[in-house]
Amino acid sequence: MRHRSLLIMTTVLTTGALTLTACGSRDDNKGSDSSKKTTVVIGVDAPLTGQNSATGLGIQGGVQIAVNDANKNNTVPGVTFKVQALDDKAIPAQGQSNATQLVQNEKVLGVVGPLNSGVATQMQQVFATANLVEISPSNTAPELTQGKNWQTSKSRPFKTYFRTATTDALQGGFAADYAYSTLKKRKVFVVDDKQTYGAGLAKLFKAGFTKAGGKVTGEDHVNTGDTDFSALVTKIKNSKADLVYYGGQYDESEKLTKQLKDGGAKVPLFGGDGMFSDTYIQTAGKTSEGDLATSVGQPVDSLPSAADFIKKYKASGLKGDYGTYGGYSYDAATAIIKAIGNVVKDGKVPSDARTKIVGEVQKTKFDGIAGPVSFDEYGDTTNKQLTVYQVVDGKWKAVKSGTFNG
């Protein structure tokens, strides 16, 4: 095979051929050399170490499987896709630096990420200036797509930004309705981590819960990285709340729930998709039993459309939690790959490729592995499906799926 590759390369040099169509050592139809394909890079930005890394690695893995599939299926003739994954460590400034690095790589024609809404606020302008499309599988802060005044006057800040996750405007209300109407909770203590995602989600849950007739018996804030919640546990116990709602990530909530239960407060902790991770259960152990979390979409393990993806993910040895955003990451990468296929023909990348790809992503419409994929005029997903999960016998169990319209 090595000799055949050399012969082909010699032929190419002699004839002046510009592109070959094979991927790998031999294609069943062409038997060509992949080295003559154009390399296109899909960027990934997520926390790959430290805070939130389990879900961040799941995002990277979802994109990698999508790229593997595109290369194997020769989805875009003349193109070989590669992944460039950068670690933002869940730090906004690092995300901004990563965005600049991705923009400067001319082979990058689309980016999936970031995980955290707070990081996204520092990346959007960088991508918009370069006309580089960005699709987040997990950002849920409404202002990212609908502007700071989204509750009174929606206005899209950046045409290059999209997401396959629905927003906290729906997630917070969905959780509040479930807590009041299904769990029959009437008194809640609200905690958040002061970050864009956590504080915003907690605020929307609080508004929905009080509107339904519930009472907020106390509120407090924590810092990311905190590990000692003894003072907060005392406040919660004294508040007589029958539910704690937490706006933030699993890194802190998994410790909070353990200290809460160990301290004698036998009340469930309810959070958003930032808490929905197997890592939460692994760290909190038995004290997580009965806790709840909302997440976007339907459980990926229950979707026949995702069965092949899950099989490949498990067989690949990829790290991270694919269950939270892996499916949405795969679909985000697929949307970018399909858009590239409409712009890059026979491996030839036009000078205005990035701008054209943004337009093609806006027109996206296909059935993804995690549900239908398309975007509205704000860049938000049209898939408004949400699910409430509860820890039952040491595993997340879906207890309600549906949509919420306020």
Protein backbone atom coordinates (compact mmCIF):
# COMPACT_ATOMS: atom_id res chain seq x y z
CA MET A 1 0.00 0.00 0.00
CA ARG A 2 2.87 2.36 0.75
CA HIS A 3 4.25 1.80 -2.77
CA ARG A 4 0.84 2.40 -4.31
CA SER A 5 0.57 5.73 -2.46
CA LEU A 6 3.94 6.80 -3.84
CA LEU A 7 2.86 5.86 -7.35
CA ILE A 8 -0.31 7.88 -7.04
CA MET A 9 1.58 10.89 -5.73
CA THR A 10 3.98 10.64 -8.67
CA THR A 11 1.05 10.57 -11.05
CA VAL A 12 -0.42 13.63 -9.40
CA LEU A 13 2.80 15.56 -9.68
CA THR A 14 3.12 14.58 -13.34
CA THR A 15 -0.43 15.36 -14.42
CA GLY A 16 -0.92 18.43 -12.25
CA ALA A 17 -4.13 17.04 -10.74
CA LEU A 18 -5.46 19.36 -8.05
CA THR A 19 -7.53 17.09 -5.81
CA LEU A 20 -8.07 13.43 -5.03
CA THR A 21 -11.23 12.10 -3.43
CA ALA A 22 -10.21 9.26 -1.16
CA CYS A 23 -10.12 9.34 2.61
CA GLY A 24 -7.55 7.14 4.30
CA SER A 25 -5.32 4.62 2.59
CA ARG A 26 -7.93 3.37 0.12
CA ASP A 27 -11.47 4.31 -0.79
CA ASP A 28 -13.79 1.54 -1.99
CA ASN A 29 -14.64 3.53 -5.12
CA LYS A 30 -11.59 5.63 -5.96
CA GLY A 31 -8.61 4.20 -4.17
CA SER A 32 -7.13 7.71 -3.86
CA ASP A 33 -4.76 9.49 -1.50
CA SER A 34 -6.38 11.54 1.30
CA SER A 35 -3.30 13.81 1.49
CA LYS A 36 -4.66 15.80 -1.45
CA LYS A 37 -7.89 16.61 0.28
CA THR A 38 -8.44 20.05 1.76
CA THR A 39 -8.26 20.07 5.56
CA VAL A 40 -11.08 21.90 7.29
CA VAL A 41 -11.03 22.34 11.07
CA ILE A 42 -14.00 22.34 13.42
CA GLY A 43 -13.02 24.19 16.58
CA VAL A 44 -14.19 23.18 20.05
CA ASP A 45 -14.09 25.37 23.14
CA ALA A 46 -15.03 23.85 26.50
CA PRO A 47 -13.60 23.19 29.96
CA LEU A 48 -11.45 20.12 29.35
CA THR A 49 -9.74 20.24 32.75
CA GLY A 50 -10.84 21.37 36.18
CA GLN A 51 -14.30 22.82 36.77
CA ASN A 52 -17.06 21.27 34.63
CA SER A 53 -14.57 19.11 32.71
CA ALA A 54 -16.76 15.99 32.65
CA THR A 55 -19.38 17.78 30.58
CA GLY A 56 -16.77 19.73 28.63
CA LEU A 57 -15.07 16.52 27.54
CA GLY A 58 -18.49 15.19 26.54
CA ILE A 59 -18.87 18.15 24.20
CA GLN A 60 -15.46 17.48 22.65
CA GLY A 61 -16.34 13.81 22.25
CA GLY A 62 -19.65 14.56 20.55
CA VAL A 63 -17.90 16.74 17.99
CA GLN A 64 -15.18 14.15 17.42
CA ILE A 65 -17.74 11.42 16.63
CA ALA A 66 -19.49 13.77 14.16
CA VAL A 67 -16.19 14.52 12.44
CA ASN A 68 -15.28 10.83 12.32
CA ASP A 69 -18.63 10.08 10.68
CA ALA A 70 -18.24 12.90 8.15
CA ASN A 71 -14.79 11.67 7.13
CA LYS A 72 -15.86 8.04 6.94
CA ASN A 73 -18.93 8.86 4.84
CA ASN A 74 -17.12 11.44 2.67
CA THR A 75 -19.92 13.85 3.59
CA VAL A 76 -18.13 16.78 1.95
CA PRO A 77 -16.21 15.58 -1.13
CA GLY A 78 -12.68 16.93 -1.28
CA VAL A 79 -12.59 17.74 2.45
CA THR A 80 -11.04 16.02 5.45
CA PHE A 81 -12.30 17.34 8.77
CA LYS A 82 -10.20 17.68 11.88
CA VAL A 83 -10.99 18.87 15.41
CA GLN A 84 -9.08 21.58 17.26
CA ALA A 85 -10.18 21.50 20.90
CA LEU A 86 -9.16 24.26 23.30
CA ASP A 87 -9.55 24.24 27.08
CA ASP A 88 -11.25 27.34 28.50
CA LYS A 89 -11.16 25.97 32.09
CA ALA A 90 -14.64 27.55 32.54
CA ILE A 91 -12.88 30.95 32.69
CA PRO A 92 -14.36 33.73 30.48
CA ALA A 93 -11.01 35.39 29.75
CA GLN A 94 -9.54 32.08 28.63
CA GLY A 95 -12.53 31.53 26.37
CA GLN A 96 -11.92 34.91 24.75
CA SER A 97 -8.26 34.02 24.18
CA ASN A 98 -9.28 30.68 22.68
CA ALA A 99 -11.75 32.42 20.36
CA THR A 100 -8.96 34.65 19.08
CA GLN A 101 -6.74 31.63 18.49
CA LEU A 102 -9.46 29.81 16.55
CA VAL A 103 -10.24 32.87 14.43
CA GLN A 104 -6.57 33.19 13.48
CA ASN A 105 -6.47 29.63 12.13
CA GLU A 106 -7.78 30.09 8.59
CA LYS A 107 -8.66 26.39 8.37
CA VAL A 108 -11.28 26.79 11.12
CA LEU A 109 -14.67 27.25 9.46
CA GLY A 110 -16.90 26.68 12.49
CA VAL A 111 -16.77 26.31 16.27
CA VAL A 112 -18.80 24.23 18.72
CA GLY A 113 -19.00 25.61 22.27
CA PRO A 114 -18.56 26.92 24.82
CA LEU A 115 -20.20 25.04 27.69
CA ASN A 116 -20.70 28.02 30.01
CA SER A 117 -22.87 31.04 29.23
CA GLY A 118 -20.48 33.32 31.11
CA VAL A 119 -17.65 32.22 28.84
CA ALA A 120 -19.84 32.77 25.77
CA THR A 121 -20.33 36.44 26.63
CA GLN A 122 -16.59 36.98 26.11
CA MET A 123 -16.36 34.99 22.88
CA GLN A 124 -19.31 36.16 20.80
CA GLN A 125 -17.84 39.46 19.63
CA VAL A 126 -14.57 37.83 18.59
CA PHE A 127 -16.36 35.34 16.36
CA ALA A 128 -18.79 37.93 15.01
CA THR A 129 -15.96 40.24 13.93
CA ALA A 130 -14.43 37.36 11.95
CA ASN A 131 -17.80 36.12 10.59
CA LEU A 132 -17.01 32.71 12.10
CA VAL A 133 -20.04 30.62 13.03
CA GLU A 134 -20.35 29.40 16.61
CA ILE A 135 -22.91 26.88 17.84
CA SER A 136 -23.18 26.14 21.54
CA PRO A 137 -24.73 22.82 22.59
CA SER A 138 -25.28 24.02 26.14
CA ASN A 139 -25.50 27.80 26.66
CA THR A 140 -28.92 28.65 28.10
CA ALA A 141 -28.74 32.32 29.15
CA PRO A 142 -31.49 34.08 27.10
CA GLU A 143 -29.51 37.30 26.57
CA LEU A 144 -26.92 35.53 24.43
CA THR A 145 -29.36 35.36 21.53
CA GLN A 146 -32.11 37.81 22.47
CA GLY A 147 -30.19 40.71 24.02
CA LYS A 148 -29.95 42.12 27.53
CA ASN A 149 -33.55 43.36 27.42
CA TRP A 150 -34.94 40.05 26.17
CA GLN A 151 -37.86 40.10 28.60
CA THR A 152 -39.26 43.32 27.14
CA SER A 153 -37.64 43.76 23.73
CA LYS A 154 -35.80 40.93 21.97
CA SER A 155 -32.89 41.87 19.71
CA ARG A 156 -30.28 39.49 18.35
CA PRO A 157 -26.76 40.73 19.27
CA PHE A 158 -24.66 38.47 17.01
CA LYS A 159 -25.73 36.77 13.77
CA THR A 160 -22.82 34.30 14.02
CA TYR A 161 -24.04 32.78 17.31
CA PHE A 162 -26.43 29.81 17.46
CA ARG A 163 -27.30 27.13 19.97
CA THR A 164 -28.85 23.67 20.00
CA ALA A 165 -29.91 24.00 23.67
CA THR A 166 -33.10 25.78 24.65
CA THR A 167 -32.94 28.72 27.07
CA ASP A 168 -33.35 29.27 30.79
CA ALA A 169 -36.45 31.32 30.02
CA LEU A 170 -38.11 27.95 29.51
CA GLN A 171 -35.95 25.76 31.76
CA GLY A 172 -36.45 27.86 34.89
CA GLY A 173 -40.21 27.98 34.48
CA PHE A 174 -40.38 24.27 33.62
CA ALA A 175 -38.57 23.42 36.88
CA ALA A 176 -40.72 25.80 38.94
CA ASP A 177 -43.93 24.31 37.54
CA TYR A 178 -42.74 20.79 38.31
CA ALA A 179 -41.67 21.72 41.84
CA TYR A 180 -44.99 23.37 42.66
CA SER A 181 -47.51 21.29 40.72
CA THR A 182 -45.96 17.80 40.79
CA LEU A 183 -43.72 17.75 43.86
CA LYS A 184 -46.24 19.89 45.76
CA LYS A 185 -43.43 21.96 47.30
CA ARG A 186 -44.45 25.30 48.79
CA LYS A 187 -41.31 26.68 50.46
CA VAL A 188 -38.00 26.95 48.65
CA PHE A 189 -34.52 28.19 49.54
CA VAL A 190 -32.76 29.55 46.44
CA VAL A 191 -28.97 29.42 45.99
CA ASP A 192 -26.84 30.45 43.01
CA ASP A 193 -23.14 30.64 42.13
CA LYS A 194 -23.25 34.30 40.97
CA GLN A 195 -22.34 33.29 37.41
CA THR A 196 -24.28 34.29 34.30
CA TYR A 197 -25.89 30.87 33.93
CA GLY A 198 -26.50 30.06 37.59
CA ALA A 199 -27.80 33.44 38.74
CA GLY A 200 -30.01 33.80 35.69
CA LEU A 201 -31.54 30.34 36.07
CA ALA A 202 -32.17 30.81 39.79
CA LYS A 203 -33.89 34.14 39.12
CA LEU A 204 -36.22 32.58 36.56
CA PHE A 205 -37.02 29.63 38.81
CA LYS A 206 -37.82 32.01 41.66
CA ALA A 207 -40.13 34.07 39.46
CA GLY A 208 -41.98 30.98 38.25
CA PHE A 209 -42.30 29.43 41.69
CA THR A 210 -43.67 32.55 43.36
CA LYS A 211 -46.04 33.18 40.45
CA ALA A 212 -47.45 29.69 40.97
CA GLY A 213 -48.08 30.47 44.66
CA GLY A 214 -44.91 29.20 46.31
CA LYS A 215 -42.81 31.08 48.85
CA VAL A 216 -39.09 31.78 48.87
CA THR A 217 -38.03 31.36 52.50
CA GLY A 218 -34.40 32.31 51.94
CA GLU A 219 -31.72 33.13 49.39
CA ASP A 220 -27.93 32.96 49.34
CA HIS A 221 -24.96 32.82 46.99
CA VAL A 222 -21.81 30.73 46.77
CA ASN A 223 -18.56 31.12 44.86
CA THR A 224 -17.33 28.67 42.27
CA GLY A 225 -14.71 26.51 43.92
CA ASP A 226 -16.30 26.65 47.39
CA THR A 227 -16.17 23.40 49.33
CA ASP A 228 -17.42 24.29 52.84
CA PHE A 229 -21.16 24.99 52.97
CA SER A 230 -21.74 24.56 56.71
CA ALA A 231 -23.01 28.12 57.25
CA LEU A 232 -25.35 27.79 54.26
CA VAL A 233 -26.65 24.45 55.55
CA THR A 234 -27.58 26.13 58.84
CA LYS A 235 -29.45 28.89 56.99
CA ILE A 236 -31.37 26.36 54.91
CA LYS A 237 -32.34 24.30 57.96
CA ASN A 238 -33.53 27.40 59.80
CA SER A 239 -35.60 28.52 56.82
CA LYS A 240 -37.86 25.45 57.07
CA ALA A 241 -37.75 25.12 53.29
CA ASP A 242 -39.02 21.86 51.81
CA LEU A 243 -36.87 22.26 48.69
CA VAL A 244 -33.53 23.82 47.78
CA TYR A 245 -33.12 25.20 44.27
CA TYR A 246 -29.56 25.60 43.06
CA GLY A 247 -28.49 27.66 40.06
CA GLY A 248 -25.02 26.58 39.05
CA GLN A 249 -22.86 23.60 38.14
CA TYR A 250 -22.37 20.14 39.64
CA ASP A 251 -18.93 20.96 41.07
CA GLU A 252 -20.43 22.86 44.00
CA SER A 253 -23.94 21.36 44.16
CA GLU A 254 -22.63 17.80 44.59
CA LYS A 255 -20.84 18.92 47.75
CA LEU A 256 -23.71 21.10 48.95
CA THR A 257 -26.25 18.30 48.82
CA LYS A 258 -23.96 15.94 50.73
CA GLN A 259 -23.31 18.46 53.49
CA LEU A 260 -27.00 19.35 53.53
CA LYS A 261 -28.15 15.74 54.06
CA ASP A 262 -25.30 14.93 56.45
CA GLY A 263 -26.30 18.03 58.42
CA GLY A 264 -29.81 16.73 58.95
CA ALA A 265 -31.74 18.70 56.33
CA LYS A 266 -33.61 15.94 54.51
CA VAL A 267 -34.82 18.06 51.61
CA PRO A 268 -34.14 17.49 47.92
CA LEU A 269 -31.83 19.70 45.89
CA PHE A 270 -33.20 20.77 42.51
CA GLY A 271 -31.01 22.29 39.80
CA GLY A 272 -30.63 22.88 36.08
CA ASP A 273 -28.68 21.17 33.33
CA GLY A 274 -25.40 22.34 34.86
CA MET A 275 -26.08 19.84 37.64
CA PHE A 276 -27.21 17.02 35.36
CA SER A 277 -24.12 14.84 35.21
CA ASP A 278 -23.19 11.37 36.39
CA THR A 279 -20.30 13.03 38.21
CA TYR A 280 -22.84 14.69 40.53
CA ILE A 281 -24.13 11.29 41.68
CA GLN A 282 -20.67 9.73 41.88
CA THR A 283 -19.40 12.49 44.19
CA ALA A 284 -22.50 13.00 46.33
CA GLY A 285 -23.13 9.27 46.67
CA LYS A 286 -26.26 8.15 48.48
CA THR A 287 -27.00 11.70 49.61
CA SER A 288 -27.96 12.56 46.02
CA GLU A 289 -30.90 10.16 46.12
CA GLY A 290 -34.12 12.04 45.39
CA ASP A 291 -32.38 15.14 44.01
CA LEU A 292 -33.61 16.58 40.73
CA ALA A 293 -32.33 18.41 37.67
CA THR A 294 -33.77 19.71 34.44
CA SER A 295 -31.94 19.32 31.16
CA VAL A 296 -32.52 20.24 27.54
CA GLY A 297 -34.15 17.79 25.18
CA GLN A 298 -35.06 14.19 25.91
CA PRO A 299 -32.69 11.64 27.51
CA VAL A 300 -30.27 10.73 24.74
CA ASP A 301 -30.10 7.11 25.94
CA SER A 302 -33.81 6.74 25.18
CA LEU A 303 -33.60 8.01 21.60
CA PRO A 304 -33.31 5.37 18.83
CA SER A 305 -31.72 8.07 16.65
CA ALA A 306 -28.80 8.31 19.10
CA ALA A 307 -28.14 4.57 19.51
CA ASP A 308 -25.34 4.45 16.93
CA PHE A 309 -23.72 7.58 18.40
CA ILE A 310 -23.74 6.12 21.90
CA LYS A 311 -22.29 2.84 20.67
CA LYS A 312 -19.45 4.66 18.90
CA TYR A 313 -18.80 6.93 21.88
CA LYS A 314 -18.50 4.04 24.30
CA ALA A 315 -16.30 2.06 21.92
CA SER A 316 -14.00 5.00 21.19
CA GLY A 317 -12.54 5.35 24.65
CA LEU A 318 -13.44 9.05 24.70
CA LYS A 319 -13.66 10.53 28.16
CA GLY A 320 -16.39 12.73 29.57
CA ASP A 321 -20.14 12.58 29.98
CA TYR A 322 -21.89 12.21 26.63
CA GLY A 323 -25.33 12.09 28.26
CA THR A 324 -25.65 15.79 29.02
CA TYR A 325 -24.62 17.57 25.81
CA GLY A 326 -22.91 14.91 23.68
CA GLY A 327 -25.91 14.53 21.38
CA TYR A 328 -26.37 18.28 21.03
CA SER A 329 -22.64 18.65 20.31
CA TYR A 330 -22.85 16.01 17.59
CA ASP A 331 -25.83 17.83 16.05
CA ALA A 332 -24.10 21.23 16.31
CA ALA A 333 -21.02 19.87 14.53
CA THR A 334 -23.22 18.21 11.92
CA ALA A 335 -25.00 21.50 11.24
CA ILE A 336 -21.61 23.14 10.61
CA ILE A 337 -20.44 20.25 8.43
CA LYS A 338 -23.61 20.38 6.32
CA ALA A 339 -23.22 24.15 5.92
CA ILE A 340 -19.60 23.71 4.84
CA GLY A 341 -20.75 21.15 2.30
CA ASN A 342 -22.98 23.79 0.71
CA VAL A 343 -20.09 26.26 0.45
CA VAL A 344 -16.91 24.24 -0.14
CA LYS A 345 -17.09 22.39 -3.45
CA ASP A 346 -14.48 19.81 -4.51
CA GLY A 347 -12.22 20.97 -1.72
CA LYS A 348 -12.14 24.57 -2.92
CA VAL A 349 -12.69 27.06 -0.09
CA PRO A 350 -13.95 30.45 -1.34
CA SER A 351 -12.46 33.60 0.18
CA ASP A 352 -15.78 34.46 1.84
CA ALA A 353 -16.44 30.92 3.07
CA ARG A 354 -16.95 31.88 6.71
CA THR A 355 -19.61 34.46 5.88
CA LYS A 356 -21.42 32.08 3.56
CA ILE A 357 -21.35 29.30 6.16
CA VAL A 358 -23.10 31.54 8.69
CA GLY A 359 -25.92 32.02 6.18
CA GLU A 360 -26.14 28.29 5.50
CA VAL A 361 -26.31 27.47 9.22
CA GLN A 362 -29.20 29.91 9.61
CA LYS A 363 -31.10 27.85 6.99
CA THR A 364 -30.32 24.55 8.74
CA LYS A 365 -33.08 21.97 8.90
CA PHE A 366 -32.49 18.27 9.50
CA ASP A 367 -33.31 15.48 11.93
CA GLY A 368 -30.45 15.26 14.39
CA ILE A 369 -29.63 12.41 16.73
CA ALA A 370 -30.99 14.43 19.68
CA GLY A 371 -34.02 15.82 17.86
CA PRO A 372 -34.91 18.17 15.00
CA VAL A 373 -32.25 20.80 14.26
CA SER A 374 -33.19 24.26 13.01
CA PHE A 375 -32.81 27.82 14.26
CA ASP A 376 -35.19 30.75 14.64
CA GLU A 377 -34.48 34.39 13.82
CA TYR A 378 -32.46 34.78 17.03
CA GLY A 379 -30.25 31.74 16.45
CA ASP A 380 -32.14 29.75 19.09
CA THR A 381 -33.05 26.14 18.55
CA THR A 382 -36.65 25.48 17.57
CA ASN A 383 -36.52 22.28 19.67
CA LYS A 384 -38.04 23.35 22.99
CA GLN A 385 -38.12 19.91 24.59
CA LEU A 386 -37.10 19.70 28.26
CA THR A 387 -36.83 16.86 30.77
CA VAL A 388 -36.89 16.62 34.56
CA TYR A 389 -34.60 13.95 35.98
CA GLN A 390 -34.49 12.53 39.50
CA VAL A 391 -31.82 10.42 41.17
CA VAL A 392 -33.42 7.02 41.71
CA ASP A 393 -31.35 4.08 42.96
CA GLY A 394 -28.13 5.91 42.16
CA LYS A 395 -29.00 6.89 38.59
CA TRP A 396 -30.65 9.80 36.82
CA LYS A 397 -34.17 8.76 35.82
CA ALA A 398 -36.35 10.84 33.51
CA VAL A 399 -39.58 11.62 35.38
CA LYS A 400 -41.14 14.19 33.03
CA SER A 401 -40.52 15.34 29.45
CA GLY A 402 -42.34 18.04 27.57
CA THR A 403 -42.33 21.67 26.53
CA PHE A 404 -43.03 24.76 28.61
CA ASN A 405 -44.61 27.89 27.24
CA GLY A 406 -44.69 29.98 30.39
